[in-house]
PDB file of N, CA and C in Angstrom:
ATOM      1  N   MET A   1      11.236 -26.036  -6.733  1.00  0.00           N
ATOM      2  CA  MET A   1      12.027 -26.491  -7.866  1.00  0.00           C
ATOM      3  C   MET A   1      12.379 -25.274  -8.719  1.00  0.00           C
ATOM      4  N   SER A   2      13.627 -25.173  -9.125  1.00  0.00           N
ATOM      5  CA  SER A   2      14.072 -24.032  -9.933  1.00  0.00           C
ATOM      6  C   SER A   2      13.618 -24.178 -11.389  1.00  0.00           C
ATOM      7  N   VAL A   3      13.720 -23.092 -12.118  1.00  0.00           N
ATOM      8  CA  VAL A   3      13.351 -23.101 -13.534  1.00  0.00           C
ATOM      9  C   VAL A   3      14.209 -24.097 -14.298  1.00  0.00           C
ATOM     10  N   SER A   4      15.498 -24.101 -14.043  1.00  0.00           N
ATOM     11  CA  SER A   4      16.381 -25.026 -14.768  1.00  0.00           C
ATOM     12  C   SER A   4      16.062 -26.478 -14.414  1.00  0.00           C
ATOM     13  N   GLU A   5      15.691 -26.737 -13.173  1.00  0.00           N
ATOM     14  CA  GLU A   5      15.306 -28.104 -12.791  1.00  0.00           C
ATOM     15  C   GLU A   5      14.003 -28.517 -13.469  1.00  0.00           C
ATOM     16  N   LEU A   6      13.061 -27.588 -13.552  1.00  0.00           N
ATOM     17  CA  LEU A   6      11.798 -27.877 -14.247  1.00  0.00           C
ATOM     18  C   LEU A   6      12.033 -28.169 -15.723  1.00  0.00           C
ATOM     19  N   LYS A   7      12.882 -27.363 -16.355  1.00  0.00           N
ATOM     20  CA  LYS A   7      13.190 -27.583 -17.766  1.00  0.00           C
ATOM     21  C   LYS A   7      13.813 -28.950 -17.986  1.00  0.00           C
ATOM     22  N   LEU A   8      14.740 -29.330 -17.126  1.00  0.00           N
ATOM     23  CA  LEU A   8      15.397 -30.620 -17.242  1.00  0.00           C
ATOM     24  C   LEU A   8      14.397 -31.758 -17.067  1.00  0.00           C
ATOM     25  N   GLU A   9      13.496 -31.607 -16.107  1.00  0.00           N
ATOM     26  CA  GLU A   9      12.465 -32.631 -15.897  1.00  0.00           C
ATOM     27  C   GLU A   9      11.561 -32.751 -17.115  1.00  0.00           C
ATOM     28  N   ILE A  10      11.193 -31.622 -17.693  1.00  0.00           N
ATOM     29  CA  ILE A  10      10.345 -31.636 -18.897  1.00  0.00           C
ATOM     30  C   ILE A  10      11.078 -32.316 -20.037  1.00  0.00           C
ATOM     31  N   ILE A  11      12.329 -31.973 -20.237  1.00  0.00           N
ATOM     32  CA  ILE A  11      13.125 -32.593 -21.306  1.00  0.00           C
ATOM     33  C   ILE A  11      13.180 -34.101 -21.119  1.00  0.00           C
ATOM     34  N   ASN A  12      13.448 -34.536 -19.903  1.00  0.00           N
ATOM     35  CA  ASN A  12      13.533 -35.971 -19.628  1.00  0.00           C
ATOM     36  C   ASN A  12      12.209 -36.674 -19.905  1.00  0.00           C
ATOM     37  N   LYS A  13      11.117 -36.067 -19.514  1.00  0.00           N
ATOM     38  CA  LYS A  13       9.809 -36.685 -19.743  1.00  0.00           C
ATOM     39  C   LYS A  13       9.450 -36.696 -21.231  1.00  0.00           C
ATOM     40  N   VAL A  14       9.725 -35.600 -21.921  1.00  0.00           N
ATOM     41  CA  VAL A  14       9.380 -35.510 -23.339  1.00  0.00           C
ATOM     42  C   VAL A  14      10.176 -36.522 -24.154  1.00  0.00           C
ATOM     43  N   THR A  15      11.437 -36.726 -23.823  1.00  0.00           N
ATOM     44  CA  THR A  15      12.247 -37.676 -24.594  1.00  0.00           C
ATOM     45  C   THR A  15      11.752 -39.112 -24.445  1.00  0.00           C
ATOM     46  N   SER A  16      10.974 -39.371 -23.403  1.00  0.00           N
ATOM     47  CA  SER A  16      10.452 -40.736 -23.224  1.00  0.00           C
ATOM     48  C   SER A  16       9.108 -40.945 -23.913  1.00  0.00           C
ATOM     49  N   ILE A  17       8.503 -39.897 -24.440  1.00  0.00           N
ATOM     50  CA  ILE A  17       7.194 -39.996 -25.098  1.00  0.00           C
ATOM     51  C   ILE A  17       7.388 -40.468 -26.530  1.00  0.00           C
ATOM     52  N   SER A  18       6.609 -41.485 -26.912  1.00  0.00           N
ATOM     53  CA  SER A  18       6.685 -41.973 -28.289  1.00  0.00           C
ATOM     54  C   SER A  18       5.392 -41.715 -29.066  1.00  0.00           C
ATOM     55  N   ASP A  19       4.348 -41.293 -28.375  1.00  0.00           N
ATOM     56  CA  ASP A  19       3.063 -41.018 -29.017  1.00  0.00           C
ATOM     57  C   ASP A  19       3.159 -39.697 -29.792  1.00  0.00           C
ATOM     58  N   GLU A  20       3.031 -39.795 -31.119  1.00  0.00           N
ATOM     59  CA  GLU A  20       3.183 -38.620 -31.976  1.00  0.00           C
ATOM     60  C   GLU A  20       2.146 -37.542 -31.676  1.00  0.00           C
ATOM     61  N   GLN A  21       0.916 -37.939 -31.376  1.00  0.00           N
ATOM     62  CA  GLN A  21      -0.143 -36.974 -31.096  1.00  0.00           C
ATOM     63  C   GLN A  21       0.168 -36.167 -29.837  1.00  0.00           C
ATOM     64  N   ILE A  22       0.664 -36.825 -28.824  1.00  0.00           N
ATOM     65  CA  ILE A  22       1.025 -36.122 -27.590  1.00  0.00           C
ATOM     66  C   ILE A  22       2.161 -35.139 -27.862  1.00  0.00           C
ATOM     67  N   LEU A  23       3.149 -35.553 -28.640  1.00  0.00           N
ATOM     68  CA  LEU A  23       4.256 -34.662 -28.971  1.00  0.00           C
ATOM     69  C   LEU A  23       3.776 -33.454 -29.780  1.00  0.00           C
ATOM     70  N   GLU A  24       2.843 -33.671 -30.704  1.00  0.00           N
ATOM     71  CA  GLU A  24       2.280 -32.570 -31.474  1.00  0.00           C
ATOM     72  C   GLU A  24       1.504 -31.618 -30.561  1.00  0.00           C
ATOM     73  N   ASP A  25       0.777 -32.173 -29.599  1.00  0.00           N
ATOM     74  CA  ASP A  25       0.046 -31.338 -28.643  1.00  0.00           C
ATOM     75  C   ASP A  25       1.007 -30.505 -27.804  1.00  0.00           C
ATOM     76  N   ILE A  26       2.106 -31.098 -27.398  1.00  0.00           N
ATOM     77  CA  ILE A  26       3.099 -30.380 -26.597  1.00  0.00           C
ATOM     78  C   ILE A  26       3.687 -29.226 -27.405  1.00  0.00           C
ATOM     79  N   ILE A  27       4.073 -29.477 -28.642  1.00  0.00           N
ATOM     80  CA  ILE A  27       4.680 -28.416 -29.451  1.00  0.00           C
ATOM     81  C   ILE A  27       3.668 -27.314 -29.740  1.00  0.00           C
ATOM     82  N   ARG A  28       2.397 -27.677 -29.942  1.00  0.00           N
ATOM     83  CA  ARG A  28       1.343 -26.688 -30.169  1.00  0.00           C
ATOM     84  C   ARG A  28       1.169 -25.811 -28.912  1.00  0.00           C
ATOM     85  N   LEU A  29       1.212 -26.431 -27.747  1.00  0.00           N
ATOM     86  CA  LEU A  29       1.100 -25.688 -26.490  1.00  0.00           C
ATOM     87  C   LEU A  29       2.283 -24.746 -26.305  1.00  0.00           C
ATOM     88  N   ILE A  30       3.480 -25.224 -26.603  1.00  0.00           N
ATOM     89  CA  ILE A  30       4.678 -24.383 -26.481  1.00  0.00           C
ATOM     90  C   ILE A  30       4.611 -23.215 -27.453  1.00  0.00           C
ATOM     91  N   ASN A  31       4.196 -23.472 -28.674  1.00  0.00           N
ATOM     92  CA  ASN A  31       4.083 -22.397 -29.668  1.00  0.00           C
ATOM     93  C   ASN A  31       3.026 -21.373 -29.257  1.00  0.00           C
ATOM     94  N   GLN A  32       1.924 -21.838 -28.701  1.00  0.00           N
ATOM     95  CA  GLN A  32       0.861 -20.938 -28.255  1.00  0.00           C
ATOM     96  C   GLN A  32       1.362 -20.040 -27.132  1.00  0.00           C
ATOM     97  N   GLU A  33       2.129 -20.578 -26.223  1.00  0.00           N
ATOM     98  CA  GLU A  33       2.671 -19.798 -25.117  1.00  0.00           C
ATOM     99  C   GLU A  33       3.598 -18.706 -25.625  1.00  0.00           C
ATOM    100  N   SER A  34       4.392 -19.012 -26.627  1.00  0.00           N
ATOM    101  CA  SER A  34       5.319 -18.002 -27.142  1.00  0.00           C
ATOM    102  C   SER A  34       4.571 -16.876 -27.855  1.00  0.00           C
ATOM    103  N   ILE A  35       3.450 -17.197 -28.482  1.00  0.00           N
ATOM    104  CA  ILE A  35       2.622 -16.172 -29.126  1.00  0.00           C
ATOM    105  C   ILE A  35       2.023 -15.264 -28.056  1.00  0.00           C
ATOM    106  N   LEU A  36       1.521 -15.862 -26.971  1.00  0.00           N
ATOM    107  CA  LEU A  36       0.910 -15.088 -25.898  1.00  0.00           C
ATOM    108  C   LEU A  36       1.928 -14.226 -25.160  1.00  0.00           C
ATOM    109  N   ALA A  37       3.177 -14.652 -25.148  1.00  0.00           N
ATOM    110  CA  ALA A  37       4.214 -13.926 -24.422  1.00  0.00           C
ATOM    111  C   ALA A  37       4.651 -12.656 -25.150  1.00  0.00           C
ATOM    112  N   GLN A  38       4.321 -12.542 -26.431  1.00  0.00           N
ATOM    113  CA  GLN A  38       4.716 -11.357 -27.181  1.00  0.00           C
ATOM    114  C   GLN A  38       3.911 -10.154 -26.700  1.00  0.00           C
ATOM    115  N   THR A  39       4.561  -9.041 -26.546  1.00  0.00           N
ATOM    116  CA  THR A  39       3.915  -7.824 -26.085  1.00  0.00           C
ATOM    117  C   THR A  39       3.380  -7.053 -27.278  1.00  0.00           C
ATOM    118  N   TYR A  40       2.115  -6.672 -27.182  1.00  0.00           N
ATOM    119  CA  TYR A  40       1.514  -5.862 -28.237  1.00  0.00           C
ATOM    120  C   TYR A  40       1.895  -4.410 -28.007  1.00  0.00           C
ATOM    121  N   LYS A  41       2.408  -3.768 -29.024  1.00  0.00           N
ATOM    122  CA  LYS A  41       2.805  -2.368 -28.945  1.00  0.00           C
ATOM    123  C   LYS A  41       1.694  -1.502 -29.525  1.00  0.00           C
ATOM    124  N   LEU A  42       1.180  -0.592 -28.708  1.00  0.00           N
ATOM    125  CA  LEU A  42       0.140   0.323 -29.174  1.00  0.00           C
ATOM    126  C   LEU A  42       0.734   1.374 -30.105  1.00  0.00           C
ATOM    127  N   THR A  43      -0.025   1.713 -31.136  1.00  0.00           N
ATOM    128  CA  THR A  43       0.373   2.826 -31.990  1.00  0.00           C
ATOM    129  C   THR A  43       0.070   4.125 -31.243  1.00  0.00           C
ATOM    130  N   GLN A  44       0.585   5.222 -31.739  1.00  0.00           N
ATOM    131  CA  GLN A  44       0.308   6.520 -31.107  1.00  0.00           C
ATOM    132  C   GLN A  44      -1.188   6.809 -31.150  1.00  0.00           C
ATOM    133  N   GLU A  45      -1.835   6.472 -32.240  1.00  0.00           N
ATOM    134  CA  GLU A  45      -3.279   6.688 -32.366  1.00  0.00           C
ATOM    135  C   GLU A  45      -4.033   5.880 -31.307  1.00  0.00           C
ATOM    136  N   GLU A  46      -3.615   4.630 -31.083  1.00  0.00           N
ATOM    137  CA  GLU A  46      -4.258   3.801 -30.065  1.00  0.00           C
ATOM    138  C   GLU A  46      -4.007   4.363 -28.665  1.00  0.00           C
ATOM    139  N   ARG A  47      -2.789   4.815 -28.419  1.00  0.00           N
ATOM    140  CA  ARG A  47      -2.473   5.432 -27.118  1.00  0.00           C
ATOM    141  C   ARG A  47      -3.343   6.660 -26.872  1.00  0.00           C
ATOM    142  N   ASN A  48      -3.502   7.468 -27.922  1.00  0.00           N
ATOM    143  CA  ASN A  48      -4.350   8.659 -27.810  1.00  0.00           C
ATOM    144  C   ASN A  48      -5.803   8.294 -27.511  1.00  0.00           C
ATOM    145  N   ALA A  49      -6.305   7.253 -28.177  1.00  0.00           N
ATOM    146  CA  ALA A  49      -7.685   6.812 -27.953  1.00  0.00           C
ATOM    147  C   ALA A  49      -7.868   6.310 -26.523  1.00  0.00           C
ATOM    148  N   VAL A  50      -6.897   5.564 -26.010  1.00  0.00           N
ATOM    149  CA  VAL A  50      -6.965   5.088 -24.627  1.00  0.00           C
ATOM    150  C   VAL A  50      -6.943   6.273 -23.671  1.00  0.00           C
ATOM    151  N   GLN A  51      -6.057   7.214 -23.920  1.00  0.00           N
ATOM    152  CA  GLN A  51      -5.967   8.398 -23.059  1.00  0.00           C
ATOM    153  C   GLN A  51      -7.271   9.182 -23.067  1.00  0.00           C
ATOM    154  N   LYS A  52      -7.879   9.317 -24.253  1.00  0.00           N
ATOM    155  CA  LYS A  52      -9.162  10.024 -24.355  1.00  0.00           C
ATOM    156  C   LYS A  52     -10.225   9.288 -23.565  1.00  0.00           C
ATOM    157  N   GLY A  53     -10.246   7.961 -23.652  1.00  0.00           N
ATOM    158  CA  GLY A  53     -11.217   7.164 -22.896  1.00  0.00           C
ATOM    159  C   GLY A  53     -11.031   7.322 -21.399  1.00  0.00           C
ATOM    160  N   LEU A  54      -9.787   7.326 -20.951  1.00  0.00           N
ATOM    161  CA  LEU A  54      -9.510   7.519 -19.530  1.00  0.00           C
ATOM    162  C   LEU A  54      -9.942   8.904 -19.072  1.00  0.00           C
ATOM    163  N   GLN A  55      -9.725   9.897 -19.924  1.00  0.00           N
ATOM    164  CA  GLN A  55     -10.150  11.253 -19.582  1.00  0.00           C
ATOM    165  C   GLN A  55     -11.665  11.341 -19.528  1.00  0.00           C
ATOM    166  N   ASP A  56     -12.361  10.682 -20.456  1.00  0.00           N
ATOM    167  CA  ASP A  56     -13.827  10.649 -20.439  1.00  0.00           C
ATOM    168  C   ASP A  56     -14.328  10.058 -19.117  1.00  0.00           C
ATOM    169  N   VAL A  57     -13.711   8.988 -18.669  1.00  0.00           N
ATOM    170  CA  VAL A  57     -14.103   8.370 -17.399  1.00  0.00           C
ATOM    171  C   VAL A  57     -13.880   9.355 -16.256  1.00  0.00           C
ATOM    172  N   ALA A  58     -12.705   9.983 -16.245  1.00  0.00           N
ATOM    173  CA  ALA A  58     -12.391  10.946 -15.192  1.00  0.00           C
ATOM    174  C   ALA A  58     -13.373  12.114 -15.188  1.00  0.00           C
ATOM    175  N   ASP A  59     -13.847  12.517 -16.377  1.00  0.00           N
ATOM    176  CA  ASP A  59     -14.781  13.632 -16.496  1.00  0.00           C
ATOM    177  C   ASP A  59     -16.232  13.209 -16.279  1.00  0.00           C
ATOM    178  N   GLY A  60     -16.472  11.916 -16.088  1.00  0.00           N
ATOM    179  CA  GLY A  60     -17.831  11.432 -15.866  1.00  0.00           C
ATOM    180  C   GLY A  60     -18.639  11.245 -17.135  1.00  0.00           C
ATOM    181  N   ASN A  61     -17.976  11.260 -18.284  1.00  0.00           N
ATOM    182  CA  ASN A  61     -18.665  11.048 -19.568  1.00  0.00           C
ATOM    183  C   ASN A  61     -18.848   9.557 -19.798  1.00  0.00           C
ATOM    184  N   LEU A  62     -19.868   9.008 -19.146  1.00  0.00           N
ATOM    185  CA  LEU A  62     -20.092   7.565 -19.184  1.00  0.00           C
ATOM    186  C   LEU A  62     -21.510   7.265 -19.652  1.00  0.00           C
ATOM    187  N   HIS A  63     -21.720   6.047 -20.139  1.00  0.00           N
ATOM    188  CA  HIS A  63     -23.042   5.565 -20.519  1.00  0.00           C
ATOM    189  C   HIS A  63     -23.246   4.207 -19.873  1.00  0.00           C
ATOM    190  N   SER A  64     -24.470   3.927 -19.481  1.00  0.00           N
ATOM    191  CA  SER A  64     -24.784   2.601 -18.953  1.00  0.00           C
ATOM    192  C   SER A  64     -24.732   1.594 -20.099  1.00  0.00           C
ATOM    193  N   SER A  65     -24.675   0.346 -19.759  1.00  0.00           N
ATOM    194  CA  SER A  65     -24.668  -0.702 -20.788  1.00  0.00           C
ATOM    195  C   SER A  65     -25.926  -0.620 -21.637  1.00  0.00           C
ATOM    196  N   GLU A  66     -27.058  -0.381 -20.986  1.00  0.00           N
ATOM    197  CA  GLU A  66     -28.327  -0.287 -21.709  1.00  0.00           C
ATOM    198  C   GLU A  66     -28.314   0.900 -22.663  1.00  0.00           C
ATOM    199  N   SER A  67     -27.814   2.039 -22.193  1.00  0.00           N
ATOM    200  CA  SER A  67     -27.727   3.231 -23.037  1.00  0.00           C
ATOM    201  C   SER A  67     -26.802   2.986 -24.229  1.00  0.00           C
ATOM    202  N   ALA A  68     -25.663   2.369 -23.980  1.00  0.00           N
ATOM    203  CA  ALA A  68     -24.717   2.072 -25.058  1.00  0.00           C
ATOM    204  C   ALA A  68     -25.336   1.107 -26.067  1.00  0.00           C
ATOM    205  N   LYS A  69     -26.082   0.124 -25.567  1.00  0.00           N
ATOM    206  CA  LYS A  69     -26.755  -0.833 -26.461  1.00  0.00           C
ATOM    207  C   LYS A  69     -27.753  -0.098 -27.351  1.00  0.00           C
ATOM    208  N   ASN A  70     -28.528   0.807 -26.768  1.00  0.00           N
ATOM    209  CA  ASN A  70     -29.508   1.575 -27.550  1.00  0.00           C
ATOM    210  C   ASN A  70     -28.816   2.452 -28.582  1.00  0.00           C
ATOM    211  N   MET A  71     -27.719   3.100 -28.189  1.00  0.00           N
ATOM    212  CA  MET A  71     -26.973   3.939 -29.134  1.00  0.00           C
ATOM    213  C   MET A  71     -26.446   3.116 -30.304  1.00  0.00           C
ATOM    214  N   LEU A  72     -25.939   1.919 -30.003  1.00  0.00           N
ATOM    215  CA  LEU A  72     -25.411   1.041 -31.045  1.00  0.00           C
ATOM    216  C   LEU A  72     -26.519   0.594 -31.980  1.00  0.00           C
ATOM    217  N   GLU A  73     -27.675   0.237 -31.440  1.00  0.00           N
ATOM    218  CA  GLU A  73     -28.798  -0.171 -32.275  1.00  0.00           C
ATOM    219  C   GLU A  73     -29.236   0.957 -33.205  1.00  0.00           C
ATOM    220  N   GLU A  74     -29.286   2.179 -32.695  1.00  0.00           N
ATOM    221  CA  GLU A  74     -29.637   3.324 -33.519  1.00  0.00           C
ATOM    222  C   GLU A  74     -28.600   3.556 -34.616  1.00  0.00           C
ATOM    223  N   TRP A  75     -27.341   3.439 -34.255  1.00  0.00           N
ATOM    224  CA  TRP A  75     -26.261   3.646 -35.211  1.00  0.00           C
ATOM    225  C   TRP A  75     -26.309   2.599 -36.328  1.00  0.00           C
ATOM    226  N   LEU A  76     -26.628   1.339 -35.966  1.00  0.00           N
ATOM    227  CA  LEU A  76     -26.677   0.263 -36.964  1.00  0.00           C
ATOM    228  C   LEU A  76     -27.853   0.407 -37.921  1.00  0.00           C
ATOM    229  N   LYS A  77     -28.912   1.120 -37.519  1.00  0.00           N
ATOM    230  CA  LYS A  77     -30.062   1.339 -38.387  1.00  0.00           C
ATOM    231  C   LYS A  77     -29.751   2.287 -39.523  1.00  0.00           C
ATOM    232  N   LYS A  78     -28.742   3.118 -39.355  1.00  0.00           N
ATOM    233  CA  LYS A  78     -28.402   4.134 -40.368  1.00  0.00           C
ATOM    234  C   LYS A  78     -27.752   3.521 -41.573  1.00  0.00           C
TER     235      LYS A  78
END
């Protein structure tokens, strides 16, 4: 089924619905999808941080989960 055929089928089904709660649920779902479809644009600072993280991985600068947990606990004590 093509996209236009699916849209037409959805329109036909929605126009037959009289339950307000179901219609509200449908609009909430549609609105949620449009929010998720938006692309997040990284700032230059965020791009730099990602690049630094990738370089750290490439250089072998890694910590185990346990080590990272211990470092975080120490940092939170300060």
